[in-house]
Amino acid sequence: MPEDNPNKRTYTLVLSIAFIGIGAWKLYERFYQEGEVETYQWILAAGLLALGIYQLIGLRKK
C-alpha cells in the first residue's frame, strides 16, 4: 500500500473546507435570508456540503 502523501491530505482538507463553506453559504442565503437562489443552485450547494463532509470523514479514517 502506498504511503499517504501529506500534500494530498492538505489539498483534500482545503477543498473540503471550501466545499462546506460554499455550500453552507448558498443554503444560508436560500433558507435564512430568503434570497433569490435558483433551485439548481441550492441543490448543487447541498451536494457540495455533503461532498465536503464526506471528504472530511474520509480523511479521518486514513
PDB file of N, CA and C in Angstrom:
ATOM      1  N   MET A   1       0.842  -1.171   0.000  1.00  0.00           N
ATOM      2  CA  MET A   1       0.000   0.000   0.000  1.00  0.00           C
ATOM      3  C   MET A   1       0.893   1.241   0.000  1.00  0.00           C
ATOM      4  N   PRO A   2       0.620   2.207  -0.905  1.00  0.00           N
ATOM      5  CA  PRO A   2       1.481   3.390  -0.975  1.00  0.00           C
ATOM      6  C   PRO A   2       1.304   4.282   0.249  1.00  0.00           C
ATOM      7  N   GLU A   3       2.377   5.013   0.529  1.00  0.00           N
ATOM      8  CA  GLU A   3       2.329   5.934   1.663  1.00  0.00           C
ATOM      9  C   GLU A   3       1.367   7.083   1.367  1.00  0.00           C
ATOM     10  N   ASP A   4       0.760   7.608   2.418  1.00  0.00           N
ATOM     11  CA  ASP A   4      -0.160   8.729   2.264  1.00  0.00           C
ATOM     12  C   ASP A   4       0.649  10.011   2.110  1.00  0.00           C
ATOM     13  N   ASN A   5       0.424  10.735   1.039  1.00  0.00           N
ATOM     14  CA  ASN A   5       1.149  11.961   0.752  1.00  0.00           C
ATOM     15  C   ASN A   5       0.556  13.111   1.576  1.00  0.00           C
ATOM     16  N   PRO A   6       1.365  13.790   2.406  1.00  0.00           N
ATOM     17  CA  PRO A   6       0.824  14.890   3.216  1.00  0.00           C
ATOM     18  C   PRO A   6       0.301  16.049   2.365  1.00  0.00           C
ATOM     19  N   ASN A   7       0.890  16.267   1.196  1.00  0.00           N
ATOM     20  CA  ASN A   7       0.396  17.338   0.326  1.00  0.00           C
ATOM     21  C   ASN A   7      -1.006  17.027  -0.175  1.00  0.00           C
ATOM     22  N   LYS A   8      -1.253  15.752  -0.473  1.00  0.00           N
ATOM     23  CA  LYS A   8      -2.580  15.351  -0.934  1.00  0.00           C
ATOM     24  C   LYS A   8      -3.604  15.514   0.187  1.00  0.00           C
ATOM     25  N   ARG A   9      -3.222  15.179   1.408  1.00  0.00           N
ATOM     26  CA  ARG A   9      -4.131  15.341   2.554  1.00  0.00           C
ATOM     27  C   ARG A   9      -4.458  16.821   2.773  1.00  0.00           C
ATOM     28  N   THR A  10      -3.455  17.676   2.663  1.00  0.00           N
ATOM     29  CA  THR A  10      -3.674  19.107   2.839  1.00  0.00           C
ATOM     30  C   THR A  10      -4.589  19.651   1.747  1.00  0.00           C
ATOM     31  N   TYR A  11      -4.341  19.238   0.517  1.00  0.00           N
ATOM     32  CA  TYR A  11      -5.162  19.668  -0.616  1.00  0.00           C
ATOM     33  C   TYR A  11      -6.610  19.226  -0.422  1.00  0.00           C
ATOM     34  N   THR A  12      -6.809  17.985   0.006  1.00  0.00           N
ATOM     35  CA  THR A  12      -8.153  17.470   0.246  1.00  0.00           C
ATOM     36  C   THR A  12      -8.825  18.222   1.389  1.00  0.00           C
ATOM     37  N   LEU A  13      -8.079  18.530   2.429  1.00  0.00           N
ATOM     38  CA  LEU A  13      -8.628  19.278   3.560  1.00  0.00           C
ATOM     39  C   LEU A  13      -9.081  20.673   3.130  1.00  0.00           C
ATOM     40  N   VAL A  14      -8.257  21.359   2.359  1.00  0.00           N
ATOM     41  CA  VAL A  14      -8.598  22.710   1.897  1.00  0.00           C
ATOM     42  C   VAL A  14      -9.830  22.672   1.002  1.00  0.00           C
ATOM     43  N   LEU A  15      -9.881  21.714   0.082  1.00  0.00           N
ATOM     44  CA  LEU A  15     -11.051  21.599  -0.791  1.00  0.00           C
ATOM     45  C   LEU A  15     -12.308  21.260  -0.002  1.00  0.00           C
ATOM     46  N   SER A  16     -12.180  20.400   0.985  1.00  0.00           N
ATOM     47  CA  SER A  16     -13.335  20.038   1.810  1.00  0.00           C
ATOM     48  C   SER A  16     -13.891  21.256   2.537  1.00  0.00           C
ATOM     49  N   ILE A  17     -13.009  22.038   3.113  1.00  0.00           N
ATOM     50  CA  ILE A  17     -13.448  23.241   3.824  1.00  0.00           C
ATOM     51  C   ILE A  17     -14.079  24.237   2.852  1.00  0.00           C
ATOM     52  N   ALA A  18     -13.501  24.360   1.656  1.00  0.00           N
ATOM     53  CA  ALA A  18     -14.075  25.260   0.650  1.00  0.00           C
ATOM     54  C   ALA A  18     -15.461  24.786   0.218  1.00  0.00           C
ATOM     55  N   PHE A  19     -15.616  23.487  -0.018  1.00  0.00           N
ATOM     56  CA  PHE A  19     -16.919  22.946  -0.419  1.00  0.00           C
ATOM     57  C   PHE A  19     -17.963  23.183   0.665  1.00  0.00           C
ATOM     58  N   ILE A  20     -17.589  22.931   1.908  1.00  0.00           N
ATOM     59  CA  ILE A  20     -18.523  23.136   3.018  1.00  0.00           C
ATOM     60  C   ILE A  20     -18.883  24.620   3.132  1.00  0.00           C
ATOM     61  N   GLY A  21     -17.905  25.485   2.987  1.00  0.00           N
ATOM     62  CA  GLY A  21     -18.163  26.921   3.081  1.00  0.00           C
ATOM     63  C   GLY A  21     -19.079  27.433   1.982  1.00  0.00           C
ATOM     64  N   ILE A  22     -18.815  27.047   0.750  1.00  0.00           N
ATOM     65  CA  ILE A  22     -19.648  27.495  -0.370  1.00  0.00           C
ATOM     66  C   ILE A  22     -21.058  26.932  -0.248  1.00  0.00           C
ATOM     67  N   GLY A  23     -21.152  25.650   0.065  1.00  0.00           N
ATOM     68  CA  GLY A  23     -22.462  25.025   0.201  1.00  0.00           C
ATOM     69  C   GLY A  23     -23.272  25.630   1.329  1.00  0.00           C
ATOM     70  N   ALA A  24     -22.632  25.842   2.473  1.00  0.00           N
ATOM     71  CA  ALA A  24     -23.335  26.415   3.621  1.00  0.00           C
ATOM     72  C   ALA A  24     -23.765  27.851   3.342  1.00  0.00           C
ATOM     73  N   TRP A  25     -22.928  28.607   2.657  1.00  0.00           N
ATOM     74  CA  TRP A  25     -23.258  29.994   2.332  1.00  0.00           C
ATOM     75  C   TRP A  25     -24.489  30.072   1.441  1.00  0.00           C
ATOM     76  N   LYS A  26     -24.544  29.258   0.388  1.00  0.00           N
ATOM     77  CA  LYS A  26     -25.694  29.280  -0.517  1.00  0.00           C
ATOM     78  C   LYS A  26     -26.963  28.795   0.176  1.00  0.00           C
ATOM     79  N   LEU A  27     -26.854  27.762   1.003  1.00  0.00           N
ATOM     80  CA  LEU A  27     -28.029  27.271   1.718  1.00  0.00           C
ATOM     81  C   LEU A  27     -28.507  28.295   2.746  1.00  0.00           C
ATOM     82  N   TYR A  28     -27.578  28.967   3.406  1.00  0.00           N
ATOM     83  CA  TYR A  28     -27.937  30.028   4.351  1.00  0.00           C
ATOM     84  C   TYR A  28     -28.666  31.151   3.623  1.00  0.00           C
ATOM     85  N   GLU A  29     -28.131  31.526   2.472  1.00  0.00           N
ATOM     86  CA  GLU A  29     -28.752  32.588   1.684  1.00  0.00           C
ATOM     87  C   GLU A  29     -30.166  32.196   1.255  1.00  0.00           C
ATOM     88  N   ARG A  30     -30.351  30.955   0.909  1.00  0.00           N
ATOM     89  CA  ARG A  30     -31.657  30.490   0.428  1.00  0.00           C
ATOM     90  C   ARG A  30     -32.682  30.394   1.551  1.00  0.00           C
ATOM     91  N   PHE A  31     -32.320  29.770   2.663  1.00  0.00           N
ATOM     92  CA  PHE A  31     -33.306  29.454   3.681  1.00  0.00           C
ATOM     93  C   PHE A  31     -33.421  30.481   4.803  1.00  0.00           C
ATOM     94  N   TYR A  32     -32.374  31.234   5.098  1.00  0.00           N
ATOM     95  CA  TYR A  32     -32.426  32.178   6.209  1.00  0.00           C
ATOM     96  C   TYR A  32     -32.555  33.629   5.763  1.00  0.00           C
ATOM     97  N   GLN A  33     -31.939  33.960   4.649  1.00  0.00           N
ATOM     98  CA  GLN A  33     -32.036  35.335   4.171  1.00  0.00           C
ATOM     99  C   GLN A  33     -33.122  35.500   3.122  1.00  0.00           C
ATOM    100  N   GLU A  34     -33.790  34.420   2.797  1.00  0.00           N
ATOM    101  CA  GLU A  34     -34.858  34.438   1.788  1.00  0.00           C
ATOM    102  C   GLU A  34     -34.369  35.063   0.485  1.00  0.00           C
ATOM    103  N   GLY A  35     -33.124  34.735   0.116  1.00  0.00           N
ATOM    104  CA  GLY A  35     -32.553  35.277  -1.106  1.00  0.00           C
ATOM    105  C   GLY A  35     -33.084  34.569  -2.341  1.00  0.00           C
ATOM    106  N   GLU A  36     -32.893  35.218  -3.476  1.00  0.00           N
ATOM    107  CA  GLU A  36     -33.302  34.644  -4.754  1.00  0.00           C
ATOM    108  C   GLU A  36     -32.209  33.690  -5.236  1.00  0.00           C
ATOM    109  N   VAL A  37     -32.367  32.424  -4.920  1.00  0.00           N
ATOM    110  CA  VAL A  37     -31.409  31.408  -5.340  1.00  0.00           C
ATOM    111  C   VAL A  37     -32.169  30.395  -6.187  1.00  0.00           C
ATOM    112  N   GLU A  38     -31.651  30.148  -7.382  1.00  0.00           N
ATOM    113  CA  GLU A  38     -32.292  29.183  -8.276  1.00  0.00           C
ATOM    114  C   GLU A  38     -32.274  27.795  -7.646  1.00  0.00           C
ATOM    115  N   THR A  39     -33.232  26.976  -8.055  1.00  0.00           N
ATOM    116  CA  THR A  39     -33.363  25.630  -7.493  1.00  0.00           C
ATOM    117  C   THR A  39     -32.102  24.812  -7.722  1.00  0.00           C
ATOM    118  N   TYR A  40     -31.548  24.871  -8.931  1.00  0.00           N
ATOM    119  CA  TYR A  40     -30.352  24.079  -9.218  1.00  0.00           C
ATOM    120  C   TYR A  40     -29.170  24.529  -8.359  1.00  0.00           C
ATOM    121  N   GLN A  41     -29.117  25.814  -8.011  1.00  0.00           N
ATOM    122  CA  GLN A  41     -28.002  26.313  -7.210  1.00  0.00           C
ATOM    123  C   GLN A  41     -28.044  25.771  -5.789  1.00  0.00           C
ATOM    124  N   TRP A  42     -29.216  25.751  -5.169  1.00  0.00           N
ATOM    125  CA  TRP A  42     -29.228  25.256  -3.795  1.00  0.00           C
ATOM    126  C   TRP A  42     -29.149  23.750  -3.744  1.00  0.00           C
ATOM    127  N   ILE A  43     -29.571  23.059  -4.804  1.00  0.00           N
ATOM    128  CA  ILE A  43     -29.374  21.608  -4.855  1.00  0.00           C
ATOM    129  C   ILE A  43     -27.885  21.293  -5.000  1.00  0.00           C
ATOM    130  N   LEU A  44     -27.203  22.025  -5.863  1.00  0.00           N
ATOM    131  CA  LEU A  44     -25.753  21.848  -6.000  1.00  0.00           C
ATOM    132  C   LEU A  44     -25.024  22.245  -4.716  1.00  0.00           C
ATOM    133  N   ALA A  45     -25.513  23.266  -4.035  1.00  0.00           N
ATOM    134  CA  ALA A  45     -24.906  23.678  -2.762  1.00  0.00           C
ATOM    135  C   ALA A  45     -25.033  22.573  -1.723  1.00  0.00           C
ATOM    136  N   ALA A  46     -26.194  21.920  -1.677  1.00  0.00           N
ATOM    137  CA  ALA A  46     -26.373  20.801  -0.746  1.00  0.00           C
ATOM    138  C   ALA A  46     -25.431  19.659  -1.111  1.00  0.00           C
ATOM    139  N   GLY A  47     -25.229  19.436  -2.409  1.00  0.00           N
ATOM    140  CA  GLY A  47     -24.288  18.411  -2.850  1.00  0.00           C
ATOM    141  C   GLY A  47     -22.857  18.744  -2.461  1.00  0.00           C
ATOM    142  N   LEU A  48     -22.468  20.010  -2.609  1.00  0.00           N
ATOM    143  CA  LEU A  48     -21.125  20.428  -2.199  1.00  0.00           C
ATOM    144  C   LEU A  48     -20.925  20.254  -0.702  1.00  0.00           C
ATOM    145  N   LEU A  49     -21.935  20.604   0.060  1.00  0.00           N
ATOM    146  CA  LEU A  49     -21.857  20.441   1.512  1.00  0.00           C
ATOM    147  C   LEU A  49     -21.684  18.970   1.876  1.00  0.00           C
ATOM    148  N   ALA A  50     -22.465  18.113   1.248  1.00  0.00           N
ATOM    149  CA  ALA A  50     -22.368  16.674   1.517  1.00  0.00           C
ATOM    150  C   ALA A  50     -21.010  16.125   1.083  1.00  0.00           C
ATOM    151  N   LEU A  51     -20.512  16.570  -0.073  1.00  0.00           N
ATOM    152  CA  LEU A  51     -19.209  16.111  -0.557  1.00  0.00           C
ATOM    153  C   LEU A  51     -18.089  16.546   0.384  1.00  0.00           C
ATOM    154  N   GLY A  52     -18.144  17.776   0.861  1.00  0.00           N
ATOM    155  CA  GLY A  52     -17.128  18.257   1.796  1.00  0.00           C
ATOM    156  C   GLY A  52     -17.112  17.462   3.086  1.00  0.00           C
ATOM    157  N   ILE A  53     -18.294  17.165   3.619  1.00  0.00           N
ATOM    158  CA  ILE A  53     -18.375  16.367   4.842  1.00  0.00           C
ATOM    159  C   ILE A  53     -17.868  14.955   4.590  1.00  0.00           C
ATOM    160  N   TYR A  54     -18.223  14.386   3.441  1.00  0.00           N
ATOM    161  CA  TYR A  54     -17.770  13.038   3.084  1.00  0.00           C
ATOM    162  C   TYR A  54     -16.244  12.982   2.989  1.00  0.00           C
ATOM    163  N   GLN A  55     -15.639  13.997   2.379  1.00  0.00           N
ATOM    164  CA  GLN A  55     -14.183  14.026   2.258  1.00  0.00           C
ATOM    165  C   GLN A  55     -13.512  14.170   3.625  1.00  0.00           C
ATOM    166  N   LEU A  56     -14.079  14.986   4.504  1.00  0.00           N
ATOM    167  CA  LEU A  56     -13.502  15.126   5.844  1.00  0.00           C
ATOM    168  C   LEU A  56     -13.581  13.820   6.618  1.00  0.00           C
ATOM    169  N   ILE A  57     -14.692  13.116   6.490  1.00  0.00           N
ATOM    170  CA  ILE A  57     -14.817  11.814   7.150  1.00  0.00           C
ATOM    171  C   ILE A  57     -13.793  10.843   6.574  1.00  0.00           C
ATOM    172  N   GLY A  58     -13.594  10.892   5.261  1.00  0.00           N
ATOM    173  CA  GLY A  58     -12.600  10.032   4.624  1.00  0.00           C
ATOM    174  C   GLY A  58     -11.186  10.327   5.097  1.00  0.00           C
ATOM    175  N   LEU A  59     -10.874  11.588   5.348  1.00  0.00           N
ATOM    176  CA  LEU A  59      -9.545  11.948   5.858  1.00  0.00           C
ATOM    177  C   LEU A  59      -9.324  11.412   7.265  1.00  0.00           C
ATOM    178  N   ARG A  60     -10.367  11.417   8.072  1.00  0.00           N
ATOM    179  CA  ARG A  60     -10.228  10.932   9.453  1.00  0.00           C
ATOM    180  C   ARG A  60      -9.995   9.433   9.503  1.00  0.00           C
ATOM    181  N   LYS A  61     -10.506   8.696   8.514  1.00  0.00           N
ATOM    182  CA  LYS A  61     -10.370   7.241   8.521  1.00  0.00           C
ATOM    183  C   LYS A  61      -8.973   6.798   8.114  1.00  0.00           C
ATOM    184  N   LYS A  62      -8.206   7.680   7.457  1.00  0.00           N
ATOM    185  CA  LYS A  62      -6.869   7.291   6.989  1.00  0.00           C
ATOM    186  C   LYS A  62      -5.870   7.350   8.113  1.00  0.00           C
TER     187      LYS A  62
END
